[in-house]
Amino acid sequence: MTNQTINTGGSTLSQIGLINALFIDQATNSIYVSDTGSYCMPTYCYGSNNNRIQLWSLVPGTIAGTTVAGIGAYGAPGLYNAIAASYGLYVDLSV
């Protein structure tokens, strides 16, 4: 088999660990994802908790999201955009 794509969870911009909430913006054809987990197999974890909100375009061919909130590390010193385990998501489209 050629050109095989294997999709796994993770913490890079092209991966998602654990989705807890979604928001679909039909006006911009994009989706906001509350990504709070990590992708773990029984013997290995591909990164720690993601703790981020990512914006993904729904345009075909999109291969990576953009982190719009959170830095992927809860409680990092001196950083005000750190979040932990968001279980809801609200997007104010009037801004």
N, C-alpha and C. Protein backbone atom coordinates (compact mmCIF):
# COMPACT_ATOMS: atom_id res chain seq x y z
N MET A 1 0.85 -1.17 0.00
CA MET A 1 0.00 0.00 0.00
C MET A 1 0.90 1.24 0.00
N THR A 2 0.60 2.19 -0.85
CA THR A 2 1.39 3.42 -0.91
C THR A 2 0.56 4.59 -0.41
N ASN A 3 1.25 5.66 -0.03
CA ASN A 3 0.59 6.88 0.46
C ASN A 3 -0.36 6.60 1.61
N GLN A 4 0.02 5.71 2.49
CA GLN A 4 -0.82 5.38 3.63
C GLN A 4 -0.69 6.46 4.69
N THR A 5 -1.81 6.88 5.24
CA THR A 5 -1.83 7.86 6.31
C THR A 5 -2.30 7.18 7.58
N ILE A 6 -1.55 7.33 8.65
CA ILE A 6 -1.93 6.76 9.94
C ILE A 6 -2.23 7.92 10.86
N ASN A 7 -3.45 8.03 11.31
CA ASN A 7 -3.86 9.12 12.18
C ASN A 7 -3.79 8.67 13.63
N THR A 8 -2.99 9.35 14.42
CA THR A 8 -2.91 9.07 15.84
C THR A 8 -3.09 10.36 16.60
N GLY A 9 -3.54 10.25 17.83
CA GLY A 9 -3.68 11.42 18.67
C GLY A 9 -2.31 11.89 19.13
N GLY A 10 -2.26 13.11 19.62
CA GLY A 10 -0.99 13.63 20.11
C GLY A 10 -1.09 15.09 20.46
N SER A 11 0.04 15.75 20.56
CA SER A 11 0.05 17.14 21.00
C SER A 11 0.67 18.10 20.00
N THR A 12 0.96 17.67 18.79
CA THR A 12 1.45 18.61 17.79
C THR A 12 0.26 19.37 17.21
N LEU A 13 0.50 20.38 16.39
CA LEU A 13 -0.59 21.17 15.82
C LEU A 13 -1.44 20.36 14.84
N SER A 14 -0.92 19.24 14.36
CA SER A 14 -1.71 18.41 13.44
C SER A 14 -2.38 17.24 14.14
N GLN A 15 -2.34 17.22 15.48
CA GLN A 15 -2.94 16.13 16.24
C GLN A 15 -3.82 16.67 17.36
N ILE A 16 -4.72 15.81 17.82
CA ILE A 16 -5.59 16.14 18.95
C ILE A 16 -5.52 15.00 19.94
N GLY A 17 -5.44 15.33 21.23
CA GLY A 17 -5.35 14.31 22.26
C GLY A 17 -6.72 13.82 22.69
N LEU A 18 -7.50 14.66 23.35
CA LEU A 18 -8.81 14.28 23.87
C LEU A 18 -9.76 15.46 23.71
N ILE A 19 -10.81 15.28 22.93
CA ILE A 19 -11.78 16.35 22.69
C ILE A 19 -12.83 16.33 23.78
N ASN A 20 -13.00 17.47 24.46
CA ASN A 20 -14.05 17.61 25.46
C ASN A 20 -15.18 18.51 25.01
N ALA A 21 -14.95 19.37 24.04
CA ALA A 21 -15.99 20.26 23.55
C ALA A 21 -15.65 20.72 22.14
N LEU A 22 -16.69 21.01 21.37
CA LEU A 22 -16.54 21.51 20.00
C LEU A 22 -17.43 22.71 19.79
N PHE A 23 -17.00 23.62 18.93
CA PHE A 23 -17.83 24.73 18.49
C PHE A 23 -17.62 24.87 17.00
N ILE A 24 -18.69 24.80 16.22
CA ILE A 24 -18.59 24.92 14.77
C ILE A 24 -19.04 26.32 14.36
N ASP A 25 -18.16 27.03 13.67
CA ASP A 25 -18.46 28.37 13.16
C ASP A 25 -18.77 28.24 11.67
N GLN A 26 -20.04 28.24 11.34
CA GLN A 26 -20.45 28.05 9.95
C GLN A 26 -20.09 29.25 9.08
N ALA A 27 -20.00 30.43 9.68
CA ALA A 27 -19.68 31.64 8.91
C ALA A 27 -18.26 31.59 8.35
N THR A 28 -17.34 31.01 9.10
CA THR A 28 -15.94 30.94 8.65
C THR A 28 -15.52 29.54 8.24
N ASN A 29 -16.46 28.60 8.30
CA ASN A 29 -16.18 27.21 7.93
C ASN A 29 -15.01 26.65 8.74
N SER A 30 -15.10 26.83 10.07
CA SER A 30 -14.04 26.37 10.95
C SER A 30 -14.63 25.75 12.21
N ILE A 31 -13.79 25.08 12.96
CA ILE A 31 -14.23 24.40 14.17
C ILE A 31 -13.23 24.70 15.29
N TYR A 32 -13.74 24.98 16.48
CA TYR A 32 -12.92 25.16 17.67
C TYR A 32 -12.97 23.87 18.47
N VAL A 33 -11.83 23.40 18.94
CA VAL A 33 -11.74 22.13 19.64
C VAL A 33 -11.10 22.36 21.00
N SER A 34 -11.78 21.92 22.06
CA SER A 34 -11.20 21.92 23.39
C SER A 34 -10.41 20.62 23.54
N ASP A 35 -9.10 20.72 23.44
CA ASP A 35 -8.20 19.56 23.44
C ASP A 35 -7.49 19.51 24.78
N THR A 36 -7.93 18.63 25.66
CA THR A 36 -7.39 18.63 27.01
C THR A 36 -6.57 17.41 27.37
N GLY A 37 -6.59 16.41 26.54
CA GLY A 37 -5.92 15.17 26.92
C GLY A 37 -4.62 14.95 26.19
N SER A 38 -4.09 13.80 26.42
CA SER A 38 -2.91 13.35 25.70
C SER A 38 -3.24 12.01 25.08
N TYR A 39 -2.44 11.59 24.17
CA TYR A 39 -2.68 10.31 23.52
C TYR A 39 -1.74 9.30 24.12
N CYS A 40 -2.29 8.32 24.82
CA CYS A 40 -1.47 7.32 25.49
C CYS A 40 -1.83 5.92 25.03
N MET A 41 -0.80 5.13 24.87
CA MET A 41 -0.96 3.71 24.66
C MET A 41 -0.54 3.05 25.97
N PRO A 42 -0.78 1.76 26.14
CA PRO A 42 -0.44 1.13 27.43
C PRO A 42 1.00 1.31 27.88
N THR A 43 1.94 1.45 26.96
CA THR A 43 3.34 1.53 27.37
C THR A 43 4.00 2.88 27.10
N TYR A 44 3.31 3.80 26.43
CA TYR A 44 3.97 5.05 26.06
C TYR A 44 2.95 6.16 25.88
N CYS A 45 3.27 7.36 26.32
CA CYS A 45 2.42 8.53 26.12
C CYS A 45 3.08 9.46 25.10
N TYR A 46 2.28 9.91 24.14
CA TYR A 46 2.78 10.85 23.14
C TYR A 46 2.55 12.27 23.61
N GLY A 47 3.22 12.69 24.64
CA GLY A 47 3.07 14.05 25.14
C GLY A 47 2.19 14.09 26.38
N SER A 48 2.23 15.20 27.06
CA SER A 48 1.43 15.37 28.27
C SER A 48 0.09 15.99 27.91
N ASN A 49 -0.68 16.34 28.93
CA ASN A 49 -1.99 16.95 28.66
C ASN A 49 -1.83 18.18 27.79
N ASN A 50 -2.70 18.30 26.81
CA ASN A 50 -2.57 19.38 25.84
C ASN A 50 -3.05 20.72 26.38
N ASN A 51 -4.16 20.75 27.12
CA ASN A 51 -4.65 21.98 27.75
C ASN A 51 -4.64 23.17 26.80
N ARG A 52 -5.38 23.04 25.72
CA ARG A 52 -5.41 24.10 24.72
C ARG A 52 -6.75 24.11 23.98
N ILE A 53 -7.04 25.24 23.35
CA ILE A 53 -8.17 25.36 22.44
C ILE A 53 -7.56 25.56 21.06
N GLN A 54 -7.96 24.72 20.12
CA GLN A 54 -7.42 24.83 18.77
C GLN A 54 -8.51 25.22 17.79
N LEU A 55 -8.13 25.99 16.79
CA LEU A 55 -9.00 26.40 15.70
C LEU A 55 -8.57 25.64 14.46
N TRP A 56 -9.52 24.94 13.85
CA TRP A 56 -9.25 24.16 12.65
C TRP A 56 -10.15 24.65 11.53
N SER A 57 -9.60 24.83 10.36
CA SER A 57 -10.39 25.14 9.18
C SER A 57 -11.01 23.84 8.67
N LEU A 58 -12.24 23.93 8.19
CA LEU A 58 -12.91 22.76 7.63
C LEU A 58 -12.72 22.66 6.12
N VAL A 59 -11.85 23.50 5.59
CA VAL A 59 -11.54 23.48 4.16
C VAL A 59 -10.75 22.21 3.87
N PRO A 60 -11.13 21.45 2.84
CA PRO A 60 -10.38 20.23 2.51
C PRO A 60 -8.90 20.53 2.30
N GLY A 61 -8.07 19.66 2.82
CA GLY A 61 -6.62 19.82 2.69
C GLY A 61 -5.97 20.40 3.93
N THR A 62 -6.75 20.87 4.90
CA THR A 62 -6.19 21.41 6.13
C THR A 62 -5.52 20.28 6.90
N ILE A 63 -4.27 20.48 7.32
CA ILE A 63 -3.55 19.42 8.01
C ILE A 63 -3.12 19.80 9.43
N ALA A 64 -3.35 21.04 9.84
CA ALA A 64 -2.96 21.46 11.18
C ALA A 64 -3.89 22.54 11.70
N GLY A 65 -4.05 22.56 13.01
CA GLY A 65 -4.84 23.59 13.66
C GLY A 65 -3.94 24.70 14.19
N THR A 66 -4.57 25.73 14.74
CA THR A 66 -3.86 26.84 15.36
C THR A 66 -4.30 26.92 16.81
N THR A 67 -3.37 26.97 17.73
CA THR A 67 -3.71 27.09 19.14
C THR A 67 -4.13 28.53 19.40
N VAL A 68 -5.38 28.73 19.86
CA VAL A 68 -5.90 30.07 20.10
C VAL A 68 -6.02 30.39 21.58
N ALA A 69 -5.92 29.40 22.44
CA ALA A 69 -5.93 29.61 23.89
C ALA A 69 -5.18 28.46 24.54
N GLY A 70 -4.46 28.78 25.58
CA GLY A 70 -3.66 27.76 26.26
C GLY A 70 -2.31 27.61 25.59
N ILE A 71 -1.41 27.02 26.32
CA ILE A 71 -0.06 26.83 25.80
C ILE A 71 0.35 25.37 25.83
N GLY A 72 -0.54 24.51 26.29
CA GLY A 72 -0.21 23.10 26.38
C GLY A 72 0.44 22.71 27.69
N ALA A 73 0.60 23.66 28.62
CA ALA A 73 1.21 23.34 29.90
C ALA A 73 0.52 24.14 30.99
N TYR A 74 -0.29 23.49 31.80
CA TYR A 74 -1.01 24.19 32.86
C TYR A 74 -0.04 24.67 33.94
N GLY A 75 -0.24 25.90 34.37
CA GLY A 75 0.50 26.43 35.50
C GLY A 75 1.92 26.86 35.21
N ALA A 76 2.27 27.04 33.96
CA ALA A 76 3.63 27.48 33.64
C ALA A 76 3.86 28.86 34.26
N PRO A 77 5.01 29.10 34.87
CA PRO A 77 5.24 30.35 35.59
C PRO A 77 5.19 31.58 34.68
N GLY A 78 4.47 32.60 35.14
CA GLY A 78 4.43 33.87 34.44
C GLY A 78 3.61 33.90 33.17
N LEU A 79 2.85 32.87 32.90
CA LEU A 79 2.07 32.84 31.67
C LEU A 79 0.59 32.92 32.01
N TYR A 80 -0.10 33.88 31.40
CA TYR A 80 -1.51 34.11 31.71
C TYR A 80 -2.45 33.34 30.80
N ASN A 81 -1.95 32.70 29.79
CA ASN A 81 -2.84 31.99 28.88
C ASN A 81 -2.84 30.48 29.13
N ALA A 82 -2.37 30.04 30.29
CA ALA A 82 -2.39 28.62 30.62
C ALA A 82 -3.78 28.23 31.10
N ILE A 83 -4.28 27.12 30.59
CA ILE A 83 -5.58 26.60 31.02
C ILE A 83 -5.40 25.13 31.40
N ALA A 84 -6.39 24.61 32.11
CA ALA A 84 -6.33 23.20 32.50
C ALA A 84 -7.70 22.58 32.33
N ALA A 85 -7.76 21.49 31.61
CA ALA A 85 -8.93 20.62 31.51
C ALA A 85 -10.23 21.37 31.27
N SER A 86 -10.33 22.11 30.18
CA SER A 86 -11.59 22.78 29.88
C SER A 86 -12.62 21.74 29.45
N TYR A 87 -13.80 21.84 30.00
CA TYR A 87 -14.86 20.88 29.68
C TYR A 87 -16.04 21.55 28.99
N GLY A 88 -15.88 22.78 28.62
CA GLY A 88 -16.90 23.50 27.88
C GLY A 88 -16.21 24.49 26.96
N LEU A 89 -16.97 25.01 26.02
CA LEU A 89 -16.38 25.92 25.06
C LEU A 89 -17.45 26.89 24.58
N TYR A 90 -17.15 28.18 24.66
CA TYR A 90 -18.05 29.21 24.17
C TYR A 90 -17.22 30.18 23.33
N VAL A 91 -17.69 30.48 22.15
CA VAL A 91 -16.99 31.41 21.27
C VAL A 91 -17.90 32.61 21.03
N ASP A 92 -17.41 33.80 21.35
CA ASP A 92 -18.16 35.03 21.13
C ASP A 92 -17.87 35.52 19.72
N LEU A 93 -18.81 35.32 18.82
CA LEU A 93 -18.60 35.69 17.41
C LEU A 93 -18.75 37.18 17.15
N SER A 94 -19.17 37.95 18.16
CA SER A 94 -19.35 39.39 17.97
C SER A 94 -18.03 40.15 18.08
N VAL A 95 -16.99 39.51 18.50
CA VAL A 95 -15.70 40.17 18.69
C VAL A 95 -14.98 40.27 17.38
